[in-house]
Amino acid sequence: MTYTVQKLAALAGVSKRTLRYYDQIGLLKPAELNASGYRIYTEKEVDLLQQILFYSALGVDLHTIRSIIYSPEFDRKQALEEHRKQLVAKQQQIDLLLGNVEKSIQMIERKEHMSDQEKFAGFKEEKLAENEVMYGEEVRETHGEEAAYAANQKFRDITAEQYKDMQKTEQQLFLKIKEAMQTGNPAGTEALQAAELHHKWLAFTWPSYSKEAHAGLAEMYVQDERFTAYYENHIQKGAAQFLRDSIQHYTRG
């Protein structure tokens, strides 16, 4: 079966403008242009659009989606299984959020008080679920199931005061990286202090520390666009790579 832009847009629940934009950036080209100049799509393009929409729903940027679906190694069945896994994790996160909201509403209706401890426990579960959706698979591949479980348990045990300290340490880390980048030397004193702060920040959730694991995590910061974007959004362009280089020097010492 074939589709025009209008029919495919209606089928997929997207706008005609979106499909034209996907064509413009080379993300989803039509199978052909007919004699009247209309874009014509086939089942192949429908399948590709399905993948694009799945990845978009998971927050993957269009540039990355294009590199994934047009890779020679792309496997549609494997991709669908991965989508299912991530959507289940996302559903678990939503269930946790709903549960926390429902409990809060019930306590308000019964004029009961939700303790700060209960609120914080709910927040931690939400944060763990969010991290699982975003980084769970990569963490398990790099550090193993047991290490990931232990890290999650340590985060569950963290107190509100420790969490504040963790956030404070992260902000100090961001400032120190920015200062160190001004020197241009990832092996300098400022850079090594940034790596030490990163070590301190990890200690809040890592059950144990090793230089090898620290260096491996830093390598992920430049290999995974999500990690790279996190540091570049909070600091400046090039921050993830500079931190990676600093941690390499730090862990060799």
C-alpha atoms as a PDB file:
ATOM      1  CA  MET A   1       0.000   0.000   0.000  1.00  0.00           C
ATOM      2  CA  THR A   2       1.199   3.528  -0.708  1.00  0.00           C
ATOM      3  CA  TYR A   3       0.497   6.808   1.065  1.00  0.00           C
ATOM      4  CA  THR A   4       0.616  10.485   0.229  1.00  0.00           C
ATOM      5  CA  VAL A   5       1.897  12.956   2.823  1.00  0.00           C
ATOM      6  CA  GLN A   6      -1.673  13.679   3.883  1.00  0.00           C
ATOM      7  CA  LYS A   7      -2.605  10.025   4.319  1.00  0.00           C
ATOM      8  CA  LEU A   8       0.599   9.088   6.120  1.00  0.00           C
ATOM      9  CA  ALA A   9       0.272  12.077   8.445  1.00  0.00           C
ATOM     10  CA  ALA A  10      -3.275  11.009   9.332  1.00  0.00           C
ATOM     11  CA  LEU A  11      -2.181   7.395   9.843  1.00  0.00           C
ATOM     12  CA  ALA A  12       0.738   8.260  12.120  1.00  0.00           C
ATOM     13  CA  GLY A  13      -0.867  11.163  13.960  1.00  0.00           C
ATOM     14  CA  VAL A  14       1.749  13.701  12.895  1.00  0.00           C
ATOM     15  CA  SER A  15       1.484  16.873  10.845  1.00  0.00           C
ATOM     16  CA  LYS A  16       2.168  17.120   7.137  1.00  0.00           C
ATOM     17  CA  ARG A  17       4.756  19.779   7.998  1.00  0.00           C
ATOM     18  CA  THR A  18       6.593  17.227  10.176  1.00  0.00           C
ATOM     19  CA  LEU A  19       6.838  14.741   7.310  1.00  0.00           C
ATOM     20  CA  ARG A  20       8.078  17.434   4.947  1.00  0.00           C
ATOM     21  CA  TYR A  21      10.679  18.450   7.523  1.00  0.00           C
ATOM     22  CA  TYR A  22      11.815  14.831   7.929  1.00  0.00           C
ATOM     23  CA  ASP A  23      12.270  14.696   4.162  1.00  0.00           C
ATOM     24  CA  GLN A  24      14.184  17.975   4.167  1.00  0.00           C
ATOM     25  CA  ILE A  25      16.723  16.775   6.762  1.00  0.00           C
ATOM     26  CA  GLY A  26      17.065  13.315   5.227  1.00  0.00           C
ATOM     27  CA  LEU A  27      15.409  11.512   8.126  1.00  0.00           C
ATOM     28  CA  LEU A  28      12.478  10.062   6.154  1.00  0.00           C
ATOM     29  CA  LYS A  29      12.619  10.351   2.390  1.00  0.00           C
ATOM     30  CA  PRO A  30       9.554   9.322   0.318  1.00  0.00           C
ATOM     31  CA  ALA A  31       9.906   6.293  -1.899  1.00  0.00           C
ATOM     32  CA  GLU A  32       9.227   8.471  -4.922  1.00  0.00           C
ATOM     33  CA  LEU A  33       7.685  11.660  -6.270  1.00  0.00           C
ATOM     34  CA  ASN A  34       4.762  10.927  -8.586  1.00  0.00           C
ATOM     35  CA  ALA A  35       4.067  12.684 -11.892  1.00  0.00           C
ATOM     36  CA  SER A  36       2.260  15.466 -10.045  1.00  0.00           C
ATOM     37  CA  GLY A  37       5.199  16.010  -7.692  1.00  0.00           C
ATOM     38  CA  TYR A  38       3.513  14.469  -4.642  1.00  0.00           C
ATOM     39  CA  ARG A  39       5.582  12.493  -2.130  1.00  0.00           C
ATOM     40  CA  ILE A  40       4.674   8.802  -2.125  1.00  0.00           C
ATOM     41  CA  TYR A  41       5.475   6.518   0.831  1.00  0.00           C
ATOM     42  CA  THR A  42       5.482   2.712   0.966  1.00  0.00           C
ATOM     43  CA  GLU A  43       5.414   0.154   3.780  1.00  0.00           C
ATOM     44  CA  LYS A  44       9.182   0.549   4.186  1.00  0.00           C
ATOM     45  CA  GLU A  45       8.804   4.250   5.018  1.00  0.00           C
ATOM     46  CA  VAL A  46       5.881   3.481   7.348  1.00  0.00           C
ATOM     47  CA  ASP A  47       8.138   1.109   9.325  1.00  0.00           C
ATOM     48  CA  LEU A  48      10.886   3.731   9.458  1.00  0.00           C
ATOM     49  CA  LEU A  49       8.444   6.364  10.656  1.00  0.00           C
ATOM     50  CA  GLN A  50       7.317   4.024  13.417  1.00  0.00           C
ATOM     51  CA  GLN A  51      10.922   3.751  14.614  1.00  0.00           C
ATOM     52  CA  ILE A  52      11.415   7.514  14.391  1.00  0.00           C
ATOM     53  CA  LEU A  53       8.337   8.145  16.525  1.00  0.00           C
ATOM     54  CA  PHE A  54       9.378   5.521  19.085  1.00  0.00           C
ATOM     55  CA  TYR A  55      12.823   7.058  19.469  1.00  0.00           C
ATOM     56  CA  SER A  56      11.357  10.585  19.594  1.00  0.00           C
ATOM     57  CA  ALA A  57       9.007   9.523  22.392  1.00  0.00           C
ATOM     58  CA  LEU A  58      12.053   8.361  24.352  1.00  0.00           C
ATOM     59  CA  GLY A  59      13.719  11.754  23.944  1.00  0.00           C
ATOM     60  CA  VAL A  60      16.311  10.836  21.318  1.00  0.00           C
ATOM     61  CA  ASP A  61      17.258  13.776  19.074  1.00  0.00           C
ATOM     62  CA  LEU A  62      16.583  13.569  15.332  1.00  0.00           C
ATOM     63  CA  HIS A  63      20.262  13.566  14.338  1.00  0.00           C
ATOM     64  CA  THR A  64      20.903  10.525  16.528  1.00  0.00           C
ATOM     65  CA  ILE A  65      17.755   8.782  15.279  1.00  0.00           C
ATOM     66  CA  ARG A  66      18.925   9.166  11.698  1.00  0.00           C
ATOM     67  CA  SER A  67      22.331   7.670  12.495  1.00  0.00           C
ATOM     68  CA  ILE A  68      20.645   4.720  14.252  1.00  0.00           C
ATOM     69  CA  ILE A  69      17.980   3.727  11.752  1.00  0.00           C
ATOM     70  CA  TYR A  70      20.223   4.044   8.720  1.00  0.00           C
ATOM     71  CA  SER A  71      23.132   2.166  10.270  1.00  0.00           C
ATOM     72  CA  PRO A  72      24.034  -1.055   8.391  1.00  0.00           C
ATOM     73  CA  GLU A  73      23.751  -2.883  11.736  1.00  0.00           C
ATOM     74  CA  PHE A  74      20.212  -1.635  12.441  1.00  0.00           C
ATOM     75  CA  ASP A  75      17.901  -4.507  13.401  1.00  0.00           C
ATOM     76  CA  ARG A  76      14.193  -3.582  13.518  1.00  0.00           C
ATOM     77  CA  LYS A  77      13.155  -6.453  15.801  1.00  0.00           C
ATOM     78  CA  GLN A  78      15.985  -5.737  18.216  1.00  0.00           C
ATOM     79  CA  ALA A  79      15.077  -2.052  18.165  1.00  0.00           C
ATOM     80  CA  LEU A  80      11.439  -2.836  18.959  1.00  0.00           C
ATOM     81  CA  GLU A  81      12.493  -5.063  21.872  1.00  0.00           C
ATOM     82  CA  GLU A  82      14.636  -2.221  23.187  1.00  0.00           C
ATOM     83  CA  HIS A  83      11.735   0.222  22.809  1.00  0.00           C
ATOM     84  CA  ARG A  84       9.531  -2.172  24.784  1.00  0.00           C
ATOM     85  CA  LYS A  85      12.121  -2.430  27.567  1.00  0.00           C
ATOM     86  CA  GLN A  86      12.481   1.342  27.834  1.00  0.00           C
ATOM     87  CA  LEU A  87       8.747   1.954  27.679  1.00  0.00           C
ATOM     88  CA  VAL A  88       8.168  -0.569  30.491  1.00  0.00           C
ATOM     89  CA  ALA A  89      10.777   1.262  32.585  1.00  0.00           C
ATOM     90  CA  LYS A  90       9.114   4.567  31.731  1.00  0.00           C
ATOM     91  CA  GLN A  91       5.729   3.138  32.709  1.00  0.00           C
ATOM     92  CA  GLN A  92       7.190   2.076  36.050  1.00  0.00           C
ATOM     93  CA  GLN A  93       8.412   5.622  36.556  1.00  0.00           C
ATOM     94  CA  ILE A  94       4.949   6.984  35.766  1.00  0.00           C
ATOM     95  CA  ASP A  95       3.360   4.467  38.145  1.00  0.00           C
ATOM     96  CA  LEU A  96       5.664   5.647  40.920  1.00  0.00           C
ATOM     97  CA  LEU A  97       4.810   9.276  40.233  1.00  0.00           C
ATOM     98  CA  LEU A  98       1.094   8.488  40.170  1.00  0.00           C
ATOM     99  CA  GLY A  99       1.366   6.544  43.405  1.00  0.00           C
ATOM    100  CA  ASN A 100       3.115   9.431  45.130  1.00  0.00           C
ATOM    101  CA  VAL A 101       0.556  11.948  43.830  1.00  0.00           C
ATOM    102  CA  GLU A 102      -2.380   9.724  44.837  1.00  0.00           C
ATOM    103  CA  LYS A 103      -0.955   9.300  48.323  1.00  0.00           C
ATOM    104  CA  SER A 104      -0.505  13.053  48.661  1.00  0.00           C
ATOM    105  CA  ILE A 105      -4.095  13.706  47.509  1.00  0.00           C
ATOM    106  CA  GLN A 106      -5.484  11.119  49.944  1.00  0.00           C
ATOM    107  CA  MET A 107      -3.581  12.635  52.847  1.00  0.00           C
ATOM    108  CA  ILE A 108      -4.855  16.107  51.969  1.00  0.00           C
ATOM    109  CA  GLU A 109      -8.437  14.816  51.751  1.00  0.00           C
ATOM    110  CA  ARG A 110      -8.089  13.024  55.094  1.00  0.00           C
ATOM    111  CA  LYS A 111      -6.250  16.057  56.471  1.00  0.00           C
ATOM    112  CA  GLU A 112      -3.307  13.834  57.264  1.00  0.00           C
ATOM    113  CA  HIS A 113       0.296  14.954  57.078  1.00  0.00           C
ATOM    114  CA  MET A 114       2.849  13.348  54.769  1.00  0.00           C
ATOM    115  CA  SER A 115       6.182  13.368  56.549  1.00  0.00           C
ATOM    116  CA  ASP A 116       9.258  14.841  54.893  1.00  0.00           C
ATOM    117  CA  GLN A 117      10.760  11.352  55.026  1.00  0.00           C
ATOM    118  CA  GLU A 118       7.840   9.934  53.014  1.00  0.00           C
ATOM    119  CA  LYS A 119       8.088  12.775  50.487  1.00  0.00           C
ATOM    120  CA  PHE A 120      11.823  12.253  50.113  1.00  0.00           C
ATOM    121  CA  ALA A 121      11.440   8.486  49.743  1.00  0.00           C
ATOM    122  CA  GLY A 122       8.968   9.051  46.912  1.00  0.00           C
ATOM    123  CA  PHE A 123      11.336  11.511  45.272  1.00  0.00           C
ATOM    124  CA  LYS A 124      14.210   9.021  45.408  1.00  0.00           C
ATOM    125  CA  GLU A 125      12.143   6.294  43.755  1.00  0.00           C
ATOM    126  CA  GLU A 126      11.132   8.731  41.012  1.00  0.00           C
ATOM    127  CA  LYS A 127      14.780   9.673  40.469  1.00  0.00           C
ATOM    128  CA  LEU A 128      15.848   6.029  40.293  1.00  0.00           C
ATOM    129  CA  ALA A 129      13.113   5.249  37.778  1.00  0.00           C
ATOM    130  CA  GLU A 130      14.127   8.236  35.653  1.00  0.00           C
ATOM    131  CA  ASN A 131      17.787   7.192  35.708  1.00  0.00           C
ATOM    132  CA  GLU A 132      16.816   3.639  34.795  1.00  0.00           C
ATOM    133  CA  VAL A 133      15.014   4.865  31.689  1.00  0.00           C
ATOM    134  CA  MET A 134      17.858   7.162  30.657  1.00  0.00           C
ATOM    135  CA  TYR A 135      21.000   5.239  31.592  1.00  0.00           C
ATOM    136  CA  GLY A 136      20.068   1.847  33.050  1.00  0.00           C
ATOM    137  CA  GLU A 137      21.209  -0.312  30.162  1.00  0.00           C
ATOM    138  CA  GLU A 138      24.536   1.490  29.708  1.00  0.00           C
ATOM    139  CA  VAL A 139      25.326   1.319  33.430  1.00  0.00           C
ATOM    140  CA  ARG A 140      24.648  -2.420  33.541  1.00  0.00           C
ATOM    141  CA  GLU A 141      26.711  -3.093  30.440  1.00  0.00           C
ATOM    142  CA  THR A 142      29.640  -1.115  31.866  1.00  0.00           C
ATOM    143  CA  HIS A 143      29.524  -2.015  35.561  1.00  0.00           C
ATOM    144  CA  GLY A 144      27.317  -5.115  35.772  1.00  0.00           C
ATOM    145  CA  GLU A 145      23.924  -5.899  37.286  1.00  0.00           C
ATOM    146  CA  GLU A 146      25.239  -6.331  40.823  1.00  0.00           C
ATOM    147  CA  ALA A 147      27.022  -2.961  40.859  1.00  0.00           C
ATOM    148  CA  ALA A 148      23.937  -1.205  39.452  1.00  0.00           C
ATOM    149  CA  TYR A 149      21.719  -2.794  42.118  1.00  0.00           C
ATOM    150  CA  ALA A 150      24.139  -1.843  44.904  1.00  0.00           C
ATOM    151  CA  ALA A 151      24.307   1.761  43.655  1.00  0.00           C
ATOM    152  CA  ASN A 152      20.513   2.001  43.609  1.00  0.00           C
ATOM    153  CA  GLN A 153      20.293   0.639  47.141  1.00  0.00           C
ATOM    154  CA  LYS A 154      22.858   3.142  48.365  1.00  0.00           C
ATOM    155  CA  PHE A 155      20.860   5.963  46.822  1.00  0.00           C
ATOM    156  CA  ARG A 156      17.699   4.660  48.522  1.00  0.00           C
ATOM    157  CA  ASP A 157      19.531   4.822  51.858  1.00  0.00           C
ATOM    158  CA  ILE A 158      20.797   8.366  51.366  1.00  0.00           C
ATOM    159  CA  THR A 159      19.435  10.937  53.822  1.00  0.00           C
ATOM    160  CA  ALA A 160      17.980  14.298  52.879  1.00  0.00           C
ATOM    161  CA  GLU A 161      21.067  15.991  54.333  1.00  0.00           C
ATOM    162  CA  GLN A 162      23.393  13.754  52.336  1.00  0.00           C
ATOM    163  CA  TYR A 163      21.403  14.493  49.195  1.00  0.00           C
ATOM    164  CA  LYS A 164      21.845  18.220  49.777  1.00  0.00           C
ATOM    165  CA  ASP A 165      25.575  17.636  50.178  1.00  0.00           C
ATOM    166  CA  MET A 166      25.562  15.625  46.960  1.00  0.00           C
ATOM    167  CA  GLN A 167      23.881  18.468  45.068  1.00  0.00           C
ATOM    168  CA  LYS A 168      26.283  20.991  46.599  1.00  0.00           C
ATOM    169  CA  THR A 169      29.246  18.862  45.536  1.00  0.00           C
ATOM    170  CA  GLU A 170      27.910  18.662  41.991  1.00  0.00           C
ATOM    171  CA  GLN A 171      27.579  22.445  41.799  1.00  0.00           C
ATOM    172  CA  GLN A 172      31.144  22.813  43.108  1.00  0.00           C
ATOM    173  CA  LEU A 173      32.214  20.343  40.423  1.00  0.00           C
ATOM    174  CA  PHE A 174      30.585  22.392  37.670  1.00  0.00           C
ATOM    175  CA  LEU A 175      32.311  25.573  38.854  1.00  0.00           C
ATOM    176  CA  LYS A 176      35.679  23.857  39.176  1.00  0.00           C
ATOM    177  CA  ILE A 177      35.462  22.352  35.679  1.00  0.00           C
ATOM    178  CA  LYS A 178      34.695  25.798  34.281  1.00  0.00           C
ATOM    179  CA  GLU A 179      37.685  27.297  36.125  1.00  0.00           C
ATOM    180  CA  ALA A 180      39.933  24.456  34.982  1.00  0.00           C
ATOM    181  CA  MET A 181      38.851  24.819  31.361  1.00  0.00           C
ATOM    182  CA  GLN A 182      40.091  28.408  31.404  1.00  0.00           C
ATOM    183  CA  THR A 183      43.597  27.064  31.986  1.00  0.00           C
ATOM    184  CA  GLY A 184      43.315  24.716  29.014  1.00  0.00           C
ATOM    185  CA  ASN A 185      45.275  22.068  30.913  1.00  0.00           C
ATOM    186  CA  PRO A 186      43.388  18.859  31.837  1.00  0.00           C
ATOM    187  CA  ALA A 187      46.398  17.709  33.869  1.00  0.00           C
ATOM    188  CA  GLY A 188      46.747  20.948  35.859  1.00  0.00           C
ATOM    189  CA  THR A 189      45.968  21.545  39.516  1.00  0.00           C
ATOM    190  CA  GLU A 190      42.477  22.952  38.863  1.00  0.00           C
ATOM    191  CA  ALA A 191      41.595  20.057  36.571  1.00  0.00           C
ATOM    192  CA  LEU A 192      42.763  17.437  39.066  1.00  0.00           C
ATOM    193  CA  GLN A 193      40.736  19.174  41.768  1.00  0.00           C
ATOM    194  CA  ALA A 194      37.695  18.861  39.473  1.00  0.00           C
ATOM    195  CA  ALA A 195      38.381  15.135  39.072  1.00  0.00           C
ATOM    196  CA  GLU A 196      38.672  14.814  42.860  1.00  0.00           C
ATOM    197  CA  LEU A 197      35.303  16.539  43.276  1.00  0.00           C
ATOM    198  CA  HIS A 198      33.855  14.130  40.720  1.00  0.00           C
ATOM    199  CA  HIS A 199      35.241  11.247  42.817  1.00  0.00           C
ATOM    200  CA  LYS A 200      33.618  12.780  45.901  1.00  0.00           C
ATOM    201  CA  TRP A 201      30.308  13.157  44.065  1.00  0.00           C
ATOM    202  CA  LEU A 202      30.372   9.509  42.943  1.00  0.00           C
ATOM    203  CA  ALA A 203      30.982   8.371  46.519  1.00  0.00           C
ATOM    204  CA  PHE A 204      27.451   9.413  47.474  1.00  0.00           C
ATOM    205  CA  THR A 205      26.008   6.579  45.354  1.00  0.00           C
ATOM    206  CA  TRP A 206      28.861   4.222  44.482  1.00  0.00           C
ATOM    207  CA  PRO A 207      29.141   1.322  46.964  1.00  0.00           C
ATOM    208  CA  SER A 208      32.889   1.119  46.247  1.00  0.00           C
ATOM    209  CA  TYR A 209      35.387   3.054  44.174  1.00  0.00           C
ATOM    210  CA  SER A 210      38.026   1.973  41.697  1.00  0.00           C
ATOM    211  CA  LYS A 211      40.147   4.039  39.358  1.00  0.00           C
ATOM    212  CA  GLU A 212      39.281   1.727  36.480  1.00  0.00           C
ATOM    213  CA  ALA A 213      35.525   2.210  36.962  1.00  0.00           C
ATOM    214  CA  HIS A 214      35.992   5.966  37.347  1.00  0.00           C
ATOM    215  CA  ALA A 215      37.950   6.180  34.092  1.00  0.00           C
ATOM    216  CA  GLY A 216      35.388   3.960  32.356  1.00  0.00           C
ATOM    217  CA  LEU A 217      32.512   6.201  33.406  1.00  0.00           C
ATOM    218  CA  ALA A 218      34.403   9.262  32.190  1.00  0.00           C
ATOM    219  CA  GLU A 219      34.843   7.592  28.814  1.00  0.00           C
ATOM    220  CA  MET A 220      31.057   7.221  28.574  1.00  0.00           C
ATOM    221  CA  TYR A 221      30.767  10.988  28.945  1.00  0.00           C
ATOM    222  CA  VAL A 222      32.250  11.482  25.485  1.00  0.00           C
ATOM    223  CA  GLN A 223      30.827   8.349  23.836  1.00  0.00           C
ATOM    224  CA  ASP A 224      27.194   8.868  24.820  1.00  0.00           C
ATOM    225  CA  GLU A 225      25.575  12.079  23.576  1.00  0.00           C
ATOM    226  CA  ARG A 226      23.216  12.208  26.557  1.00  0.00           C
ATOM    227  CA  PHE A 227      26.091  12.372  29.038  1.00  0.00           C
ATOM    228  CA  THR A 228      27.926  14.864  26.842  1.00  0.00           C
ATOM    229  CA  ALA A 229      24.846  17.087  26.632  1.00  0.00           C
ATOM    230  CA  TYR A 230      24.369  16.955  30.419  1.00  0.00           C
ATOM    231  CA  TYR A 231      27.774  18.496  31.132  1.00  0.00           C
ATOM    232  CA  GLU A 232      27.709  20.887  28.202  1.00  0.00           C
ATOM    233  CA  ASN A 233      24.258  22.168  29.205  1.00  0.00           C
ATOM    234  CA  HIS A 234      25.341  22.743  32.807  1.00  0.00           C
ATOM    235  CA  ILE A 235      28.812  24.100  32.091  1.00  0.00           C
ATOM    236  CA  GLN A 236      29.875  24.836  28.509  1.00  0.00           C
ATOM    237  CA  LYS A 237      30.763  23.178  25.223  1.00  0.00           C
ATOM    238  CA  GLY A 238      33.669  20.766  25.554  1.00  0.00           C
ATOM    239  CA  ALA A 239      33.102  20.233  29.296  1.00  0.00           C
ATOM    240  CA  ALA A 240      32.488  16.482  29.044  1.00  0.00           C
ATOM    241  CA  GLN A 241      35.683  15.853  27.101  1.00  0.00           C
ATOM    242  CA  PHE A 242      37.734  18.094  29.391  1.00  0.00           C
ATOM    243  CA  LEU A 243      36.384  16.266  32.449  1.00  0.00           C
ATOM    244  CA  ARG A 244      37.124  12.914  30.797  1.00  0.00           C
ATOM    245  CA  ASP A 245      40.717  13.980  30.123  1.00  0.00           C
ATOM    246  CA  SER A 246      41.108  15.293  33.683  1.00  0.00           C
ATOM    247  CA  ILE A 247      39.794  12.041  35.160  1.00  0.00           C
ATOM    248  CA  GLN A 248      42.215  10.076  32.976  1.00  0.00           C
ATOM    249  CA  HIS A 249      45.133  12.009  34.472  1.00  0.00           C
ATOM    250  CA  TYR A 250      43.631  11.737  37.962  1.00  0.00           C
ATOM    251  CA  THR A 251      43.172   7.967  37.823  1.00  0.00           C
ATOM    252  CA  ARG A 252      46.692   7.404  36.505  1.00  0.00           C
ATOM    253  CA  GLY A 253      48.176   9.038  39.578  1.00  0.00           C
END
